[in-house]
């Protein structure tokens, strides 16, 4: 076998040209394309890594927010329970206080009602006693209903101020109320006793008034002098029914 150097040389040149052509028009674009693809792949990987980091950060933030919300919810629930317990305790205390106040007021009202009832019964008993006394007084003998009161009336007139006594009878007859019509002896004695304390004889207008029960009442312009059972009974009734 013989070696043709020209042929080998030409083939070598062809191979070199082919390699140059491939390197220029195939390998470099392919290499650039591969590099671009690699760069794009790295960029995509970097973006994916960044997205993963963002997602992890978002997940962590979401977890943190969830935990915060859960903690806040638990705090709110605990606070609400505490406030509900306090409100329930306050309502119970208010209810107890209201019940105690109502019980106290009820007891006080019951005591007042009992006192009022007792006072009413006492007043009724007092009025009944006065009515019984009045009925008994009305059973006095006719003579005792006037005669026994003449001296008392004269003494009461004598106890008036001097200026008042001096004015009795100066304006005309003195009005005199009596439990019944006076007898002549009673009129004479009354005129005498009043003349002694007043220093002179008086003229009377005598009016019979059975409501006096027993006794006399002198009605002068500046003085009224009572000495009869009606005044005594009225005074007794007022004292018995007087409430402090």
C-alpha atoms as a PDB file:
ATOM      1  CA  UNK A   1       0.000   0.000   0.000  1.00  0.00           C
ATOM      2  CA  UNK A   2       1.381   3.354  -1.020  1.00  0.00           C
ATOM      3  CA  UNK A   3       0.615   6.674   0.811  1.00  0.00           C
ATOM      4  CA  UNK A   4      -0.410   9.585  -1.376  1.00  0.00           C
ATOM      5  CA  UNK A   5       0.773  12.645   0.471  1.00  0.00           C
ATOM      6  CA  UNK A   6      -1.105  15.034  -1.766  1.00  0.00           C
ATOM      7  CA  UNK A   7      -4.293  13.259  -1.131  1.00  0.00           C
ATOM      8  CA  UNK A   8      -3.564  13.145   2.587  1.00  0.00           C
ATOM      9  CA  UNK A   9      -2.724  16.779   2.579  1.00  0.00           C
ATOM     10  CA  UNK A  10      -5.904  17.697   0.731  1.00  0.00           C
ATOM     11  CA  UNK A  11      -7.965  15.589   3.035  1.00  0.00           C
ATOM     12  CA  UNK A  12      -6.254  17.192   5.972  1.00  0.00           C
ATOM     13  CA  UNK A  13      -7.067  20.595   4.553  1.00  0.00           C
ATOM     14  CA  UNK A  14     -10.645  19.476   3.933  1.00  0.00           C
ATOM     15  CA  UNK A  15     -10.887  18.225   7.466  1.00  0.00           C
ATOM     16  CA  UNK A  16      -9.447  21.489   8.785  1.00  0.00           C
ATOM     17  CA  UNK A  17     -11.882  23.515   6.670  1.00  0.00           C
ATOM     18  CA  UNK A  18     -14.744  21.293   7.758  1.00  0.00           C
ATOM     19  CA  UNK A  19     -13.709  21.658  11.404  1.00  0.00           C
ATOM     20  CA  UNK A  20     -13.466  25.442  10.948  1.00  0.00           C
ATOM     21  CA  UNK A  21     -16.843  25.554   9.235  1.00  0.00           C
ATOM     22  CA  UNK A  22     -18.407  23.345  11.916  1.00  0.00           C
ATOM     23  CA  UNK A  23     -16.746  25.356  14.637  1.00  0.00           C
ATOM     24  CA  UNK A  24     -17.939  28.630  13.136  1.00  0.00           C
ATOM     25  CA  UNK A  25     -21.378  27.745  11.962  1.00  0.00           C
ATOM     26  CA  UNK A  26     -22.355  24.819  14.193  1.00  0.00           C
ATOM     27  CA  UNK A  27     -20.312  24.411  17.355  1.00  0.00           C
ATOM     28  CA  UNK A  28     -20.257  28.095  18.336  1.00  0.00           C
ATOM     29  CA  UNK A  29     -24.008  28.665  17.815  1.00  0.00           C
ATOM     30  CA  UNK A  30     -24.763  25.392  19.498  1.00  0.00           C
ATOM     31  CA  UNK A  31     -22.375  26.248  22.312  1.00  0.00           C
ATOM     32  CA  UNK A  32     -23.905  29.743  22.538  1.00  0.00           C
ATOM     33  CA  UNK A  33     -27.364  28.193  22.438  1.00  0.00           C
ATOM     34  CA  UNK A  34     -26.351  25.716  25.110  1.00  0.00           C
ATOM     35  CA  UNK A  35     -24.852  28.547  27.158  1.00  0.00           C
ATOM     36  CA  UNK A  36     -28.014  30.585  26.694  1.00  0.00           C
ATOM     37  CA  UNK A  37     -30.078  27.555  27.637  1.00  0.00           C
ATOM     38  CA  UNK A  38     -27.865  26.993  30.651  1.00  0.00           C
ATOM     39  CA  UNK A  39     -28.144  30.662  31.600  1.00  0.00           C
ATOM     40  CA  UNK A  40     -31.893  30.497  31.150  1.00  0.00           C
ATOM     41  CA  UNK A  41     -31.980  27.285  33.145  1.00  0.00           C
ATOM     42  CA  UNK A  42     -29.856  28.866  35.889  1.00  0.00           C
ATOM     43  CA  UNK A  43     -32.108  31.954  35.823  1.00  0.00           C
ATOM     44  CA  UNK A  44     -35.150  29.720  36.012  1.00  0.00           C
ATOM     45  CA  UNK A  45     -33.527  27.807  38.844  1.00  0.00           C
ATOM     46  CA  UNK A  46     -32.666  31.087  40.549  1.00  0.00           C
ATOM     47  CA  UNK A  47     -36.240  32.300  40.050  1.00  0.00           C
ATOM     48  CA  UNK A  48     -37.559  28.985  41.300  1.00  0.00           C
ATOM     49  CA  UNK A  49     -35.233  29.213  44.290  1.00  0.00           C
ATOM     50  CA  UNK A  50     -36.361  32.778  44.936  1.00  0.00           C
ATOM     51  CA  UNK A  51     -39.994  31.739  44.508  1.00  0.00           C
ATOM     52  CA  UNK A  52     -39.406  28.834  46.844  1.00  0.00           C
ATOM     53  CA  UNK A  53     -37.784  31.175  49.346  1.00  0.00           C
ATOM     54  CA  UNK A  54     -40.671  33.605  48.923  1.00  0.00           C
ATOM     55  CA  UNK A  55     -43.139  30.768  49.342  1.00  0.00           C
ATOM     56  CA  UNK A  56     -41.279  29.551  52.422  1.00  0.00           C
ATOM     57  CA  UNK A  57     -41.196  33.088  53.796  1.00  0.00           C
ATOM     58  CA  UNK A  58     -44.915  33.473  53.010  1.00  0.00           C
ATOM     59  CA  UNK A  59     -45.616  30.111  54.609  1.00  0.00           C
ATOM     60  CA  UNK A  60     -43.595  31.082  57.659  1.00  0.00           C
ATOM     61  CA  UNK A  61     -45.343  34.462  57.786  1.00  0.00           C
ATOM     62  CA  UNK A  62     -48.706  32.725  57.391  1.00  0.00           C
ATOM     63  CA  UNK A  63     -47.781  30.276  60.144  1.00  0.00           C
ATOM     64  CA  UNK A  64     -46.633  33.142  62.347  1.00  0.00           C
ATOM     65  CA  UNK A  65     -49.821  35.094  61.615  1.00  0.00           C
ATOM     66  CA  UNK A  66     -51.897  31.983  62.241  1.00  0.00           C
ATOM     67  CA  UNK A  67     -50.154  31.423  65.542  1.00  0.00           C
ATOM     68  CA  UNK A  68     -50.604  35.118  66.400  1.00  0.00           C
ATOM     69  CA  UNK A  69     -54.278  34.990  65.513  1.00  0.00           C
ATOM     70  CA  UNK A  70     -54.684  31.773  67.468  1.00  0.00           C
ATOM     71  CA  UNK A  71     -52.949  33.352  70.464  1.00  0.00           C
ATOM     72  CA  UNK A  72     -55.051  36.505  70.072  1.00  0.00           C
ATOM     73  CA  UNK A  73     -58.208  34.402  69.770  1.00  0.00           C
ATOM     74  CA  UNK A  74     -57.254  32.436  72.857  1.00  0.00           C
ATOM     75  CA  UNK A  75     -56.565  35.703  74.710  1.00  0.00           C
ATOM     76  CA  UNK A  76     -59.890  37.155  73.552  1.00  0.00           C
ATOM     77  CA  UNK A  77     -61.727  33.997  74.595  1.00  0.00           C
ATOM     78  CA  UNK A  78     -59.969  34.010  77.976  1.00  0.00           C
ATOM     79  CA  UNK A  79     -60.721  37.706  78.425  1.00  0.00           C
ATOM     80  CA  UNK A  80     -64.333  37.173  77.367  1.00  0.00           C
ATOM     81  CA  UNK A  81     -64.667  34.305  79.836  1.00  0.00           C
ATOM     82  CA  UNK A  82     -63.117  36.423  82.571  1.00  0.00           C
ATOM     83  CA  UNK A  83     -65.408  39.347  81.762  1.00  0.00           C
ATOM     84  CA  UNK A  84     -68.394  36.992  81.605  1.00  0.00           C
ATOM     85  CA  UNK A  85     -67.437  35.571  84.988  1.00  0.00           C
ATOM     86  CA  UNK A  86     -67.032  39.044  86.435  1.00  0.00           C
ATOM     87  CA  UNK A  87     -70.322  40.188  84.881  1.00  0.00           C
ATOM     88  CA  UNK A  88     -72.087  37.096  86.207  1.00  0.00           C
ATOM     89  CA  UNK A  89     -70.601  37.719  89.645  1.00  0.00           C
ATOM     90  CA  UNK A  90     -71.635  41.370  89.449  1.00  0.00           C
ATOM     91  CA  UNK A  91     -75.166  40.457  88.386  1.00  0.00           C
ATOM     92  CA  UNK A  92     -75.381  37.924  91.199  1.00  0.00           C
ATOM     93  CA  UNK A  93     -74.104  40.526  93.670  1.00  0.00           C
ATOM     94  CA  UNK A  94     -76.602  43.063  92.323  1.00  0.00           C
ATOM     95  CA  UNK A  95     -79.380  40.495  92.536  1.00  0.00           C
ATOM     96  CA  UNK A  96     -78.400  39.624  96.103  1.00  0.00           C
ATOM     97  CA  UNK A  97     -78.199  43.310  97.011  1.00  0.00           C
ATOM     98  CA  UNK A  98     -81.582  43.969  95.384  1.00  0.00           C
ATOM     99  CA  UNK A  99     -83.084  40.979  97.152  1.00  0.00           C
ATOM    100  CA  UNK A 100     -81.591  42.089 100.464  1.00  0.00           C
ATOM    101  CA  UNK A 101     -82.826  45.631  99.891  1.00  0.00           C
ATOM    102  CA  UNK A 102     -86.276  44.346  98.977  1.00  0.00           C
ATOM    103  CA  UNK A 103     -86.280  42.095 102.036  1.00  0.00           C
ATOM    104  CA  UNK A 104     -85.165  44.965 104.269  1.00  0.00           C
ATOM    105  CA  UNK A 105     -87.684  47.337 102.729  1.00  0.00           C
ATOM    106  CA  UNK A 106     -90.349  44.658 103.003  1.00  0.00           C
ATOM    107  CA  UNK A 107     -89.544  44.116 106.659  1.00  0.00           C
ATOM    108  CA  UNK A 108     -89.523  47.875 107.234  1.00  0.00           C
ATOM    109  CA  UNK A 109     -92.826  48.238 105.385  1.00  0.00           C
ATOM    110  CA  UNK A 110     -94.278  45.341 107.356  1.00  0.00           C
ATOM    111  CA  UNK A 111     -93.065  46.965 110.570  1.00  0.00           C
ATOM    112  CA  UNK A 112     -94.599  50.267 109.486  1.00  0.00           C
ATOM    113  CA  UNK A 113     -97.856  48.516 108.631  1.00  0.00           C
ATOM    114  CA  UNK A 114     -97.853  46.786 111.996  1.00  0.00           C
ATOM    115  CA  UNK A 115     -97.070  50.066 113.745  1.00  0.00           C
ATOM    116  CA  UNK A 116     -99.773  51.824 111.743  1.00  0.00           C
ATOM    117  CA  UNK A 117    -102.242  49.047 112.502  1.00  0.00           C
ATOM    118  CA  UNK A 118    -101.282  49.120 116.160  1.00  0.00           C
ATOM    119  CA  UNK A 119    -101.595  52.917 116.155  1.00  0.00           C
ATOM    120  CA  UNK A 120    -104.972  52.661 114.435  1.00  0.00           C
ATOM    121  CA  UNK A 121    -106.161  50.126 116.973  1.00  0.00           C
ATOM    122  CA  UNK A 122    -104.811  52.306 119.759  1.00  0.00           C
ATOM    123  CA  UNK A 123    -106.570  55.354 118.293  1.00  0.00           C
ATOM    124  CA  UNK A 124    -109.777  53.385 117.920  1.00  0.00           C
ATOM    125  CA  UNK A 125    -109.454  52.151 121.488  1.00  0.00           C
ATOM    126  CA  UNK A 126    -108.814  55.708 122.662  1.00  0.00           C
ATOM    127  CA  UNK A 127    -111.819  57.039 120.747  1.00  0.00           C
ATOM    128  CA  UNK A 128    -113.924  54.175 122.058  1.00  0.00           C
ATOM    129  CA  UNK A 129    -112.804  54.993 125.593  1.00  0.00           C
ATOM    130  CA  UNK A 130    -113.695  58.653 125.024  1.00  0.00           C
ATOM    131  CA  UNK A 131    -117.073  57.635 123.612  1.00  0.00           C
ATOM    132  CA  UNK A 132    -117.696  55.416 126.632  1.00  0.00           C
ATOM    133  CA  UNK A 133    -116.673  58.261 128.918  1.00  0.00           C
ATOM    134  CA  UNK A 134    -119.057  60.577 127.053  1.00  0.00           C
ATOM    135  CA  UNK A 135    -121.898  58.124 127.462  1.00  0.00           C
ATOM    136  CA  UNK A 136    -121.121  57.811 131.149  1.00  0.00           C
ATOM    137  CA  UNK A 137    -120.967  61.590 131.530  1.00  0.00           C
ATOM    138  CA  UNK A 138    -124.361  61.901 129.890  1.00  0.00           C
ATOM    139  CA  UNK A 139    -125.762  59.776 132.671  1.00  0.00           C
ATOM    140  CA  UNK A 140    -124.870  62.401 135.282  1.00  0.00           C
ATOM    141  CA  UNK A 141    -127.772  63.782 137.292  1.00  0.00           C
ATOM    142  CA  UNK A 142    -129.289  66.946 135.834  1.00  0.00           C
ATOM    143  CA  UNK A 143    -128.237  69.015 138.842  1.00  0.00           C
ATOM    144  CA  UNK A 144    -124.584  68.004 138.530  1.00  0.00           C
ATOM    145  CA  UNK A 145    -124.448  68.977 134.840  1.00  0.00           C
ATOM    146  CA  UNK A 146    -124.407  72.716 135.680  1.00  0.00           C
ATOM    147  CA  UNK A 147    -123.965  73.396 139.367  1.00  0.00           C
ATOM    148  CA  UNK A 148    -120.619  71.647 139.714  1.00  0.00           C
ATOM    149  CA  UNK A 149    -119.100  73.725 136.896  1.00  0.00           C
ATOM    150  CA  UNK A 150    -119.979  77.234 138.001  1.00  0.00           C
ATOM    151  CA  UNK A 151    -117.031  77.676 140.362  1.00  0.00           C
ATOM    152  CA  UNK A 152    -114.635  76.220 137.782  1.00  0.00           C
ATOM    153  CA  UNK A 153    -115.811  78.701 135.163  1.00  0.00           C
ATOM    154  CA  UNK A 154    -115.422  81.596 137.601  1.00  0.00           C
ATOM    155  CA  UNK A 155    -111.892  80.481 138.478  1.00  0.00           C
ATOM    156  CA  UNK A 156    -110.986  80.234 134.780  1.00  0.00           C
ATOM    157  CA  UNK A 157    -112.288  83.762 134.171  1.00  0.00           C
ATOM    158  CA  UNK A 158    -110.326  84.977 137.181  1.00  0.00           C
ATOM    159  CA  UNK A 159    -107.189  83.526 135.579  1.00  0.00           C
ATOM    160  CA  UNK A 160    -107.538  85.704 132.480  1.00  0.00           C
ATOM    161  CA  UNK A 161    -105.293  88.762 132.031  1.00  0.00           C
ATOM    162  CA  UNK A 162    -106.700  91.834 133.741  1.00  0.00           C
ATOM    163  CA  UNK A 163    -107.202  93.715 130.460  1.00  0.00           C
ATOM    164  CA  UNK A 164    -109.172  90.783 129.048  1.00  0.00           C
ATOM    165  CA  UNK A 165    -111.293  90.458 132.176  1.00  0.00           C
ATOM    166  CA  UNK A 166    -111.996  94.210 132.118  1.00  0.00           C
ATOM    167  CA  UNK A 167    -113.390  93.973 128.596  1.00  0.00           C
ATOM    168  CA  UNK A 168    -115.900  91.213 129.362  1.00  0.00           C
ATOM    169  CA  UNK A 169    -119.455  92.617 129.341  1.00  0.00           C
ATOM    170  CA  UNK A 170    -118.519  96.132 128.254  1.00  0.00           C
ATOM    171  CA  UNK A 171    -120.004  95.639 124.782  1.00  0.00           C
ATOM    172  CA  UNK A 172    -123.349  94.274 125.961  1.00  0.00           C
ATOM    173  CA  UNK A 173    -124.689  90.952 127.220  1.00  0.00           C
ATOM    174  CA  UNK A 174    -122.175  88.109 127.374  1.00  0.00           C
ATOM    175  CA  UNK A 175    -123.027  84.955 125.425  1.00  0.00           C
ATOM    176  CA  UNK A 176    -123.023  81.878 127.634  1.00  0.00           C
ATOM    177  CA  UNK A 177    -123.499  78.310 126.466  1.00  0.00           C
ATOM    178  CA  UNK A 178    -124.766  75.699 128.929  1.00  0.00           C
ATOM    179  CA  UNK A 179    -125.323  71.969 128.668  1.00  0.00           C
ATOM    180  CA  UNK A 180    -128.973  72.599 129.450  1.00  0.00           C
ATOM    181  CA  UNK A 181    -131.232  75.464 130.430  1.00  0.00           C
ATOM    182  CA  UNK A 182    -130.218  76.973 133.775  1.00  0.00           C
ATOM    183  CA  UNK A 183    -132.504  76.981 136.773  1.00  0.00           C
ATOM    184  CA  UNK A 184    -133.107  80.240 138.605  1.00  0.00           C
ATOM    185  CA  UNK A 185    -130.800  79.182 141.444  1.00  0.00           C
ATOM    186  CA  UNK A 186    -128.033  78.245 138.958  1.00  0.00           C
ATOM    187  CA  UNK A 187    -128.427  81.571 137.125  1.00  0.00           C
ATOM    188  CA  UNK A 188    -128.270  83.477 140.431  1.00  0.00           C
ATOM    189  CA  UNK A 189    -125.146  81.610 141.576  1.00  0.00           C
ATOM    190  CA  UNK A 190    -123.441  82.048 138.205  1.00  0.00           C
ATOM    191  CA  UNK A 191    -124.178  85.791 138.163  1.00  0.00           C
ATOM    192  CA  UNK A 192    -122.833  86.123 141.689  1.00  0.00           C
ATOM    193  CA  UNK A 193    -119.594  84.195 141.121  1.00  0.00           C
ATOM    194  CA  UNK A 194    -118.773  85.925 137.835  1.00  0.00           C
ATOM    195  CA  UNK A 195    -119.644  89.325 139.326  1.00  0.00           C
ATOM    196  CA  UNK A 196    -117.143  88.628 142.118  1.00  0.00           C
ATOM    197  CA  UNK A 197    -114.245  87.888 139.757  1.00  0.00           C
ATOM    198  CA  UNK A 198    -115.148  90.626 137.282  1.00  0.00           C
ATOM    199  CA  UNK A 199    -115.992  93.301 139.833  1.00  0.00           C
ATOM    200  CA  UNK A 200    -119.583  93.913 138.774  1.00  0.00           C
ATOM    201  CA  UNK A 201    -122.839  92.354 137.672  1.00  0.00           C
ATOM    202  CA  UNK A 202    -123.082  90.967 134.127  1.00  0.00           C
ATOM    203  CA  UNK A 203    -125.896  90.543 131.673  1.00  0.00           C
ATOM    204  CA  UNK A 204    -126.025  87.105 129.989  1.00  0.00           C
ATOM    205  CA  UNK A 205    -127.528  85.588 126.885  1.00  0.00           C
ATOM    206  CA  UNK A 206    -127.745  81.931 127.823  1.00  0.00           C
ATOM    207  CA  UNK A 207    -127.978  79.282 125.108  1.00  0.00           C
ATOM    208  CA  UNK A 208    -128.652  75.624 125.869  1.00  0.00           C
ATOM    209  CA  UNK A 209    -126.213  73.336 124.014  1.00  0.00           C
ATOM    210  CA  UNK A 210    -126.574  69.619 124.873  1.00  0.00           C
ATOM    211  CA  UNK A 211    -123.380  68.824 122.944  1.00  0.00           C
ATOM    212  CA  UNK A 212    -121.435  70.248 125.901  1.00  0.00           C
ATOM    213  CA  UNK A 213    -122.682  67.207 127.881  1.00  0.00           C
ATOM    214  CA  UNK A 214    -122.083  68.963 131.179  1.00  0.00           C
ATOM    215  CA  UNK A 215    -120.664  72.397 131.998  1.00  0.00           C
ATOM    216  CA  UNK A 216    -120.505  75.964 130.726  1.00  0.00           C
ATOM    217  CA  UNK A 217    -118.740  78.069 128.089  1.00  0.00           C
ATOM    218  CA  UNK A 218    -118.384  81.844 128.211  1.00  0.00           C
ATOM    219  CA  UNK A 219    -117.972  83.443 124.796  1.00  0.00           C
ATOM    220  CA  UNK A 220    -116.775  87.058 125.088  1.00  0.00           C
ATOM    221  CA  UNK A 221    -115.432  89.198 122.203  1.00  0.00           C
ATOM    222  CA  UNK A 222    -111.824  88.818 123.357  1.00  0.00           C
ATOM    223  CA  UNK A 223    -111.912  85.529 125.273  1.00  0.00           C
ATOM    224  CA  UNK A 224    -113.571  82.126 125.270  1.00  0.00           C
ATOM    225  CA  UNK A 225    -113.590  80.316 128.594  1.00  0.00           C
ATOM    226  CA  UNK A 226    -114.577  76.646 128.543  1.00  0.00           C
ATOM    227  CA  UNK A 227    -115.413  74.486 131.516  1.00  0.00           C
ATOM    228  CA  UNK A 228    -117.422  71.556 130.173  1.00  0.00           C
ATOM    229  CA  UNK A 229    -117.030  67.871 129.446  1.00  0.00           C
ATOM    230  CA  UNK A 230    -117.068  68.379 125.651  1.00  0.00           C
ATOM    231  CA  UNK A 231    -113.858  70.430 125.832  1.00  0.00           C
ATOM    232  CA  UNK A 232    -112.324  67.892 128.219  1.00  0.00           C
ATOM    233  CA  UNK A 233    -113.230  64.962 125.982  1.00  0.00           C
ATOM    234  CA  UNK A 234    -111.959  66.734 122.875  1.00  0.00           C
ATOM    235  CA  UNK A 235    -108.697  67.472 124.649  1.00  0.00           C
ATOM    236  CA  UNK A 236    -108.455  63.865 125.842  1.00  0.00           C
ATOM    237  CA  UNK A 237    -109.141  62.551 122.318  1.00  0.00           C
ATOM    238  CA  UNK A 238    -106.459  64.877 120.895  1.00  0.00           C
ATOM    239  CA  UNK A 239    -103.928  63.729 123.469  1.00  0.00           C
ATOM    240  CA  UNK A 240    -104.738  60.043 123.008  1.00  0.00           C
ATOM    241  CA  UNK A 241    -104.523  60.216 119.214  1.00  0.00           C
ATOM    242  CA  UNK A 242    -101.511  62.523 119.076  1.00  0.00           C
ATOM    243  CA  UNK A 243     -98.571  60.791 117.355  1.00  0.00           C
ATOM    244  CA  UNK A 244     -94.986  61.793 117.992  1.00  0.00           C
END
